[in-house]
Amino acid sequence: MRIAFAAMALASALLGAEEEIGPPPPPVPLQKPRALCPEPNFNWGTVFTGQEVAHTYLIRNTGGAALAITDVHESCKCTAVDFTRSIPPGGEGGVTLKVDTKDFQGPTLKQATVLTNDPAAPKITLQFGGVVRDAVRLAPRFPVLEGTLGGPPAAAEFAVTKATEALIDALTPAAPPPRVTVAIKEIVKGEEYRVRLTTVPGLATPNAIEEVVLLAAAGGVTVPVTVKAHITLKPRVFTVPQWIIVRQRETEQWELNPAQPLTRTLKVLGAEGVTFKATKLVTRGDFFTAQLAEVAPGREYAVNVAIVKRPNGAIQPARGTIEIHTTDPAASKVEVSVMVFFAVK
């Protein structure tokens, strides 16, 4: 009897304990990051061409796990200079974009895409834009320096005037360019400057584009102004044309009728103010002859070239050169290429 009573009491105690513990709790939901950019669009207003504009976008993590910014993809001319790679739950970070406006004009809009580990927002698009205006005007915009190789320095001038209501407080060269010197003179205070470019002595580059960078201070900012100057230096002694080319159809007709001469004439000229004398002619190539004749003493000669035979071998085209030796110390030898196309047999 006592044993039965004890068994009943133990069963009752176990049953009560089970009712107090209850069923197991539900699983805790997996925490996720949540990316939020309160202001994804930034308008920088109006800036001068050449200004650098930078802005930092606020990125918040409103989720329960760490937010990772894995990368930032920028559009052309827009650079992500910095961004927060990991933002804790409830924390804040940022993405800083920068743009150089030297190649922009008028309304401009750029974009960048932020990549995150937020499954609901794996990509965030940031917009970055405004209006870009010139601080100054250039006239002419592309100055041309024309001269003669070995002659006096070539020079050109252009005007720099204010393009907005902001006055030009200062205009200075950013750095000395290699091929020209820069002289700046203020014409109307705050409104107009005159810039003179002069080739450096002994410049041996016949044709070049020289980028001259000026720094214009206006409206409380200093912006670079790039001027592309075209340098054209003619040789002191030159030929017209610069080379001789004979086409295949001409040589085919000549080979059918060799009695009809196949000729070319070169003019040998001096640049303005240059006098010279052609002293010797040297040819390289057995398929043509060349004779030198004076046209205008000290100013012009003629080289009469005649095709005389098909060259040996199957080289196509036949190539040769003509050297014209002169008394000018800066152009003592002028070389002309000769190319003649023959039908392959």
Protein backbone atom coordinates (compact mmCIF):
# COMPACT_ATOMS: atom_id res chain seq x y z
CA MET A 1 0.00 0.00 0.00
CA ARG A 2 2.77 2.39 0.91
CA ILE A 3 4.71 1.51 -2.23
CA ALA A 4 1.73 2.26 -4.49
CA PHE A 5 1.18 5.60 -2.81
CA ALA A 6 4.82 6.57 -3.28
CA ALA A 7 4.73 5.68 -7.00
CA MET A 8 1.65 7.82 -7.50
CA ALA A 9 3.30 10.76 -5.75
CA LEU A 10 6.47 10.51 -7.94
CA ALA A 11 4.44 10.39 -11.18
CA SER A 12 2.47 13.44 -10.06
CA ALA A 13 5.70 15.37 -9.33
CA LEU A 14 7.21 14.56 -12.71
CA LEU A 15 4.06 15.63 -14.52
CA GLY A 16 4.04 18.98 -12.69
CA ALA A 17 7.69 19.62 -13.57
CA GLU A 18 6.98 19.07 -17.26
CA GLU A 19 4.11 21.56 -17.13
CA GLU A 20 6.41 24.21 -15.54
CA ILE A 21 9.21 23.79 -18.17
CA GLY A 22 6.83 24.02 -21.16
CA PRO A 23 7.70 23.54 -24.88
CA PRO A 24 11.17 24.64 -26.28
CA PRO A 25 11.40 28.35 -27.36
CA PRO A 26 11.24 29.21 -31.10
CA PRO A 27 14.62 29.69 -32.91
CA VAL A 28 16.12 33.19 -32.85
CA PRO A 29 15.73 34.81 -36.32
CA LEU A 30 18.99 35.38 -38.28
CA GLN A 31 20.15 39.00 -38.02
CA LYS A 32 20.83 40.82 -41.30
CA PRO A 33 22.50 44.13 -42.19
CA ARG A 34 20.34 46.92 -43.55
CA ALA A 35 21.94 49.69 -45.67
CA LEU A 36 20.36 53.14 -45.75
CA CYS A 37 21.62 56.27 -47.55
CA PRO A 38 19.40 59.19 -46.44
CA GLU A 39 20.59 61.54 -49.22
CA PRO A 40 21.88 59.65 -52.29
CA ASN A 41 21.74 62.73 -54.57
CA PHE A 42 24.18 65.65 -54.25
CA ASN A 43 24.00 68.87 -56.26
CA TRP A 44 27.20 70.89 -56.07
CA GLY A 45 25.56 73.98 -57.59
CA THR A 46 27.77 75.98 -59.97
CA VAL A 47 31.56 75.64 -60.08
CA PHE A 48 34.31 76.78 -62.44
CA THR A 49 35.86 74.45 -65.00
CA GLY A 50 38.92 72.87 -63.42
CA GLN A 51 37.61 72.86 -59.86
CA GLU A 52 37.67 69.59 -57.94
CA VAL A 53 34.42 68.81 -56.14
CA ALA A 54 34.20 66.26 -53.30
CA HIS A 55 31.27 65.05 -51.22
CA THR A 56 30.78 62.37 -48.56
CA TYR A 57 27.52 60.39 -48.58
CA LEU A 58 26.25 59.10 -45.22
CA ILE A 59 25.61 55.34 -45.06
CA ARG A 60 23.71 53.93 -42.04
CA ASN A 61 23.35 50.34 -40.90
CA THR A 62 19.87 49.95 -39.41
CA GLY A 63 20.09 46.14 -39.33
CA GLY A 64 21.28 43.67 -36.72
CA ALA A 65 24.50 42.45 -38.41
CA ALA A 66 27.64 44.18 -39.66
CA LEU A 67 27.19 45.97 -43.00
CA ALA A 68 30.05 45.47 -45.46
CA ILE A 69 30.71 47.87 -48.36
CA THR A 70 32.60 45.62 -50.74
CA ASP A 71 33.30 48.06 -53.57
CA VAL A 72 32.29 51.32 -55.27
CA HIS A 73 31.96 51.44 -59.06
CA GLU A 74 32.38 54.97 -60.43
CA SER A 75 31.27 56.47 -63.72
CA CYS A 76 33.70 58.28 -66.03
CA LYS A 77 35.69 61.09 -64.41
CA CYS A 78 34.24 60.35 -60.98
CA THR A 79 36.45 58.76 -58.32
CA ALA A 80 35.63 57.12 -54.98
CA VAL A 81 38.49 58.45 -52.90
CA ASP A 82 37.39 56.72 -49.67
CA PHE A 83 34.63 54.55 -48.21
CA THR A 84 33.89 52.75 -44.94
CA ARG A 85 34.34 49.02 -45.47
CA SER A 86 32.49 47.76 -42.38
CA ILE A 87 29.69 49.45 -40.40
CA PRO A 88 28.44 47.81 -37.14
CA PRO A 89 24.72 47.46 -36.35
CA GLY A 90 23.30 50.89 -35.58
CA GLY A 91 26.49 52.57 -36.83
CA GLU A 92 27.28 55.03 -39.60
CA GLY A 93 29.91 55.24 -42.32
CA GLY A 94 30.36 57.05 -45.60
CA VAL A 95 31.42 57.07 -49.24
CA THR A 96 33.43 60.04 -50.50
CA LEU A 97 33.30 60.87 -54.21
CA LYS A 98 35.50 63.38 -56.04
CA VAL A 99 35.33 64.73 -59.57
CA ASP A 100 37.74 66.90 -61.57
CA THR A 101 35.70 69.24 -63.77
CA LYS A 102 38.47 70.28 -66.17
CA ASP A 103 36.80 68.47 -69.10
CA PHE A 104 33.20 69.42 -68.22
CA GLN A 105 31.00 72.25 -69.43
CA GLY A 106 27.37 73.03 -68.58
CA PRO A 107 25.01 70.72 -66.66
CA THR A 108 26.85 67.59 -65.51
CA LEU A 109 25.62 64.42 -63.80
CA LYS A 110 27.77 61.51 -62.63
CA GLN A 111 26.88 58.28 -60.83
CA ALA A 112 28.53 55.75 -58.58
CA THR A 113 27.24 52.35 -57.44
CA VAL A 114 27.92 51.15 -53.91
CA LEU A 115 28.03 47.36 -53.48
CA THR A 116 27.00 45.97 -50.05
CA ASN A 117 26.20 42.68 -48.33
CA ASP A 118 22.64 43.81 -47.57
CA PRO A 119 20.45 41.21 -49.31
CA ALA A 120 17.62 43.74 -49.63
CA ALA A 121 19.86 46.51 -51.04
CA PRO A 122 22.98 44.97 -52.61
CA LYS A 123 23.44 48.11 -54.74
CA ILE A 124 23.02 51.77 -53.82
CA THR A 125 23.15 54.39 -56.59
CA LEU A 126 24.72 57.74 -55.73
CA GLN A 127 24.26 60.78 -57.98
CA PHE A 128 26.73 63.64 -58.15
CA GLY A 129 26.16 66.69 -60.35
CA GLY A 130 25.76 70.39 -60.95
CA VAL A 131 26.68 73.11 -63.43
CA VAL A 132 30.23 73.79 -64.68
CA ARG A 133 31.16 77.20 -66.13
CA ASP A 134 34.35 78.71 -67.47
CA ALA A 135 35.98 81.20 -65.14
CA VAL A 136 37.76 82.85 -68.10
CA ARG A 137 37.57 83.03 -71.88
CA LEU A 138 40.50 82.53 -74.27
CA ALA A 139 40.80 84.32 -77.61
CA PRO A 140 42.05 82.66 -79.68
CA ARG A 141 41.44 79.41 -77.87
CA PHE A 142 44.23 77.60 -79.75
CA PRO A 143 47.13 79.99 -80.42
CA VAL A 144 49.48 79.09 -83.28
CA LEU A 145 53.23 79.75 -83.19
CA GLU A 146 54.67 79.69 -86.70
CA GLY A 147 58.34 80.04 -87.52
CA THR A 148 61.39 78.45 -89.08
CA LEU A 149 63.63 75.73 -87.70
CA GLY A 150 66.88 77.30 -86.66
CA GLY A 151 65.42 80.77 -87.15
CA PRO A 152 64.24 83.42 -84.67
CA PRO A 153 61.85 82.23 -81.93
CA ALA A 154 58.20 81.98 -82.97
CA ALA A 155 55.60 83.78 -80.87
CA ALA A 156 51.84 84.13 -80.47
CA GLU A 157 49.53 86.05 -78.15
CA PHE A 158 46.08 85.40 -76.77
CA ALA A 159 43.68 87.24 -74.48
CA VAL A 160 42.30 85.93 -71.19
CA THR A 161 39.11 87.68 -70.11
CA LYS A 162 36.65 87.06 -67.28
CA ALA A 163 33.69 84.88 -68.25
CA THR A 164 31.44 85.57 -65.25
CA GLU A 165 30.72 88.37 -62.84
CA ALA A 166 33.69 87.20 -60.76
CA LEU A 167 36.83 89.27 -61.35
CA ILE A 168 40.17 87.63 -62.17
CA ASP A 169 42.23 88.32 -59.07
CA ALA A 170 45.43 86.79 -60.47
CA LEU A 171 46.72 84.86 -63.49
CA THR A 172 49.98 82.94 -63.20
CA PRO A 173 51.70 79.99 -64.96
CA ALA A 174 51.29 76.69 -63.11
CA ALA A 175 54.73 75.44 -64.23
CA PRO A 176 57.15 76.40 -67.00
CA PRO A 177 56.32 74.37 -70.15
CA PRO A 178 59.29 72.78 -71.93
CA ARG A 179 58.93 74.31 -75.41
CA VAL A 180 57.71 77.85 -74.77
CA THR A 181 58.16 80.74 -72.37
CA VAL A 182 55.12 82.50 -70.92
CA ALA A 183 54.75 86.25 -70.32
CA ILE A 184 51.55 87.60 -68.74
CA LYS A 185 50.44 91.23 -68.70
CA GLU A 186 47.32 92.66 -67.08
CA ILE A 187 45.42 94.88 -69.54
CA VAL A 188 42.23 95.76 -67.61
CA LYS A 189 42.42 95.16 -63.88
CA GLY A 190 40.44 92.06 -62.95
CA GLU A 191 38.95 91.70 -66.43
CA GLU A 192 41.56 91.10 -69.12
CA TYR A 193 45.09 89.74 -69.43
CA ARG A 194 47.38 89.34 -72.43
CA VAL A 195 49.55 86.20 -72.60
CA ARG A 196 52.51 85.90 -74.97
CA LEU A 197 54.04 82.52 -75.80
CA THR A 198 57.51 82.32 -77.35
CA THR A 199 59.36 79.19 -78.43
CA VAL A 200 62.57 78.48 -76.53
CA PRO A 201 65.82 79.11 -78.42
CA GLY A 202 67.09 76.21 -80.49
CA LEU A 203 63.79 74.32 -80.53
CA ALA A 204 64.24 71.38 -82.92
CA THR A 205 60.64 70.08 -82.88
CA PRO A 206 58.99 71.10 -86.17
CA ASN A 207 55.40 70.35 -85.14
CA ALA A 208 54.03 70.01 -81.63
CA ILE A 209 51.08 70.83 -79.40
CA GLU A 210 52.24 72.44 -76.18
CA GLU A 211 49.87 72.38 -73.21
CA VAL A 212 50.29 75.54 -71.15
CA VAL A 213 48.53 75.51 -67.78
CA LEU A 214 47.64 78.84 -66.18
CA LEU A 215 46.20 79.31 -62.71
CA ALA A 216 43.29 81.75 -62.60
CA ALA A 217 42.15 83.04 -59.21
CA ALA A 218 38.52 84.16 -59.38
CA GLY A 219 35.56 84.13 -57.02
CA GLY A 220 37.64 82.96 -54.09
CA VAL A 221 38.95 79.83 -55.84
CA THR A 222 41.95 79.05 -58.05
CA VAL A 223 41.33 76.90 -61.11
CA PRO A 224 43.68 75.57 -63.80
CA VAL A 225 43.17 76.87 -67.35
CA THR A 226 44.73 74.68 -70.05
CA VAL A 227 45.80 76.30 -73.33
CA LYS A 228 46.79 74.08 -76.26
CA ALA A 229 49.31 75.99 -78.35
CA HIS A 230 50.13 74.66 -81.83
CA ILE A 231 53.81 75.01 -82.79
CA THR A 232 54.62 74.84 -86.50
CA LEU A 233 58.26 75.35 -87.49
CA LYS A 234 59.02 74.99 -91.17
CA PRO A 235 62.43 73.70 -92.29
CA ARG A 236 64.78 76.39 -93.54
CA VAL A 237 65.15 74.44 -96.77
CA PHE A 238 62.38 72.09 -97.88
CA THR A 239 60.97 70.34 -100.92
CA VAL A 240 57.55 70.35 -102.56
CA PRO A 241 56.36 67.64 -102.54
CA GLN A 242 58.05 66.13 -99.50
CA TRP A 243 58.42 62.72 -101.17
CA ILE A 244 58.00 61.07 -104.58
CA ILE A 245 55.45 58.31 -105.17
CA VAL A 246 54.80 56.70 -108.56
CA ARG A 247 51.72 54.45 -108.77
CA GLN A 248 51.57 51.06 -110.46
CA ARG A 249 49.18 52.16 -113.20
CA GLU A 250 51.75 54.78 -114.26
CA THR A 251 54.62 52.29 -114.40
CA GLU A 252 52.47 49.81 -116.36
CA GLN A 253 51.72 52.45 -119.00
CA TRP A 254 55.37 53.48 -119.10
CA GLU A 255 56.54 49.86 -119.59
CA LEU A 256 54.13 49.57 -122.53
CA ASN A 257 55.56 52.75 -124.05
CA PRO A 258 59.11 53.35 -122.68
CA ALA A 259 59.65 56.20 -125.15
CA GLN A 260 57.21 58.30 -123.12
CA PRO A 261 59.25 59.54 -120.11
CA LEU A 262 57.94 58.88 -116.62
CA THR A 263 59.11 61.89 -114.61
CA ARG A 264 58.58 63.90 -111.44
CA THR A 265 59.83 67.33 -110.44
CA LEU A 266 60.80 68.44 -106.95
CA LYS A 267 60.93 72.08 -105.96
CA VAL A 268 63.67 72.93 -103.46
CA LEU A 269 62.73 76.11 -101.61
CA GLY A 270 63.99 78.27 -98.79
CA ALA A 271 61.76 79.53 -95.99
CA GLU A 272 60.92 83.21 -95.88
CA GLY A 273 64.09 85.24 -95.48
CA VAL A 274 66.37 82.24 -96.09
CA THR A 275 68.84 82.19 -98.98
CA PHE A 276 70.88 79.10 -99.84
CA LYS A 277 72.73 77.30 -102.57
CA ALA A 278 72.23 73.67 -103.56
CA THR A 279 75.71 72.24 -104.03
CA LYS A 280 75.33 68.52 -104.64
CA LEU A 281 72.82 65.80 -105.42
CA VAL A 282 73.19 62.21 -104.19
CA THR A 283 70.82 59.40 -105.26
CA ARG A 284 70.37 55.93 -103.85
CA GLY A 285 68.50 53.56 -106.17
CA ASP A 286 69.29 52.21 -109.62
CA PHE A 287 65.77 52.56 -111.06
CA PHE A 288 65.74 56.37 -111.40
CA THR A 289 67.94 59.35 -112.23
CA ALA A 290 67.86 62.88 -110.82
CA GLN A 291 69.23 66.17 -112.12
CA LEU A 292 69.55 69.48 -110.25
CA ALA A 293 68.71 72.81 -111.88
CA GLU A 294 68.75 76.36 -110.50
CA VAL A 295 65.44 78.22 -110.89
CA ALA A 296 65.92 81.37 -108.79
CA PRO A 297 69.41 82.04 -107.40
CA GLY A 298 69.48 81.60 -103.66
CA ARG A 299 65.76 80.87 -103.45
CA GLU A 300 64.63 77.94 -105.60
CA TYR A 301 66.01 74.85 -107.32
CA ALA A 302 64.38 72.02 -109.24
CA VAL A 303 65.20 68.32 -109.11
CA ASN A 304 64.02 66.48 -112.23
CA VAL A 305 63.50 62.78 -111.54
CA ALA A 306 63.05 60.15 -114.28
CA ILE A 307 62.21 56.45 -113.92
CA VAL A 308 64.64 54.53 -116.12
CA LYS A 309 64.15 50.82 -115.44
CA ARG A 310 62.48 48.15 -113.37
CA PRO A 311 64.63 47.40 -110.32
CA ASN A 312 66.19 43.99 -109.81
CA GLY A 313 64.37 41.58 -107.49
CA ALA A 314 60.71 41.38 -106.47
CA ILE A 315 60.73 44.10 -103.81
CA GLN A 316 57.48 46.04 -103.84
CA PRO A 317 57.57 49.00 -103.90
CA ALA A 318 61.00 49.99 -105.16
CA ARG A 319 62.54 52.41 -102.66
CA GLY A 320 65.25 55.00 -103.05
CA THR A 321 66.36 58.37 -101.68
CA ILE A 322 67.53 61.71 -102.98
CA GLU A 323 69.90 63.86 -100.90
CA ILE A 324 70.14 67.56 -101.66
CA HIS A 325 73.18 69.17 -100.05
CA THR A 326 73.00 72.92 -99.37
CA THR A 327 75.12 75.73 -97.97
CA ASP A 328 72.63 76.48 -95.17
CA PRO A 329 74.23 75.37 -91.86
CA ALA A 330 70.86 74.51 -90.31
CA ALA A 331 69.71 72.49 -93.36
CA SER A 332 72.92 71.18 -94.86
CA LYS A 333 71.18 68.07 -96.20
CA VAL A 334 67.56 67.55 -97.27
CA GLU A 335 66.48 63.95 -97.84
CA VAL A 336 63.55 62.89 -100.02
CA SER A 337 62.12 59.37 -100.20
CA VAL A 338 61.31 57.81 -103.58
CA MET A 339 58.76 54.98 -103.86
CA VAL A 340 57.83 53.44 -107.20
CA PHE A 341 55.24 50.65 -107.54
CA PHE A 342 55.79 48.10 -110.32
CA ALA A 343 53.49 45.26 -111.29
CA VAL A 344 54.77 41.96 -109.90
CA LYS A 345 55.88 39.61 -112.68
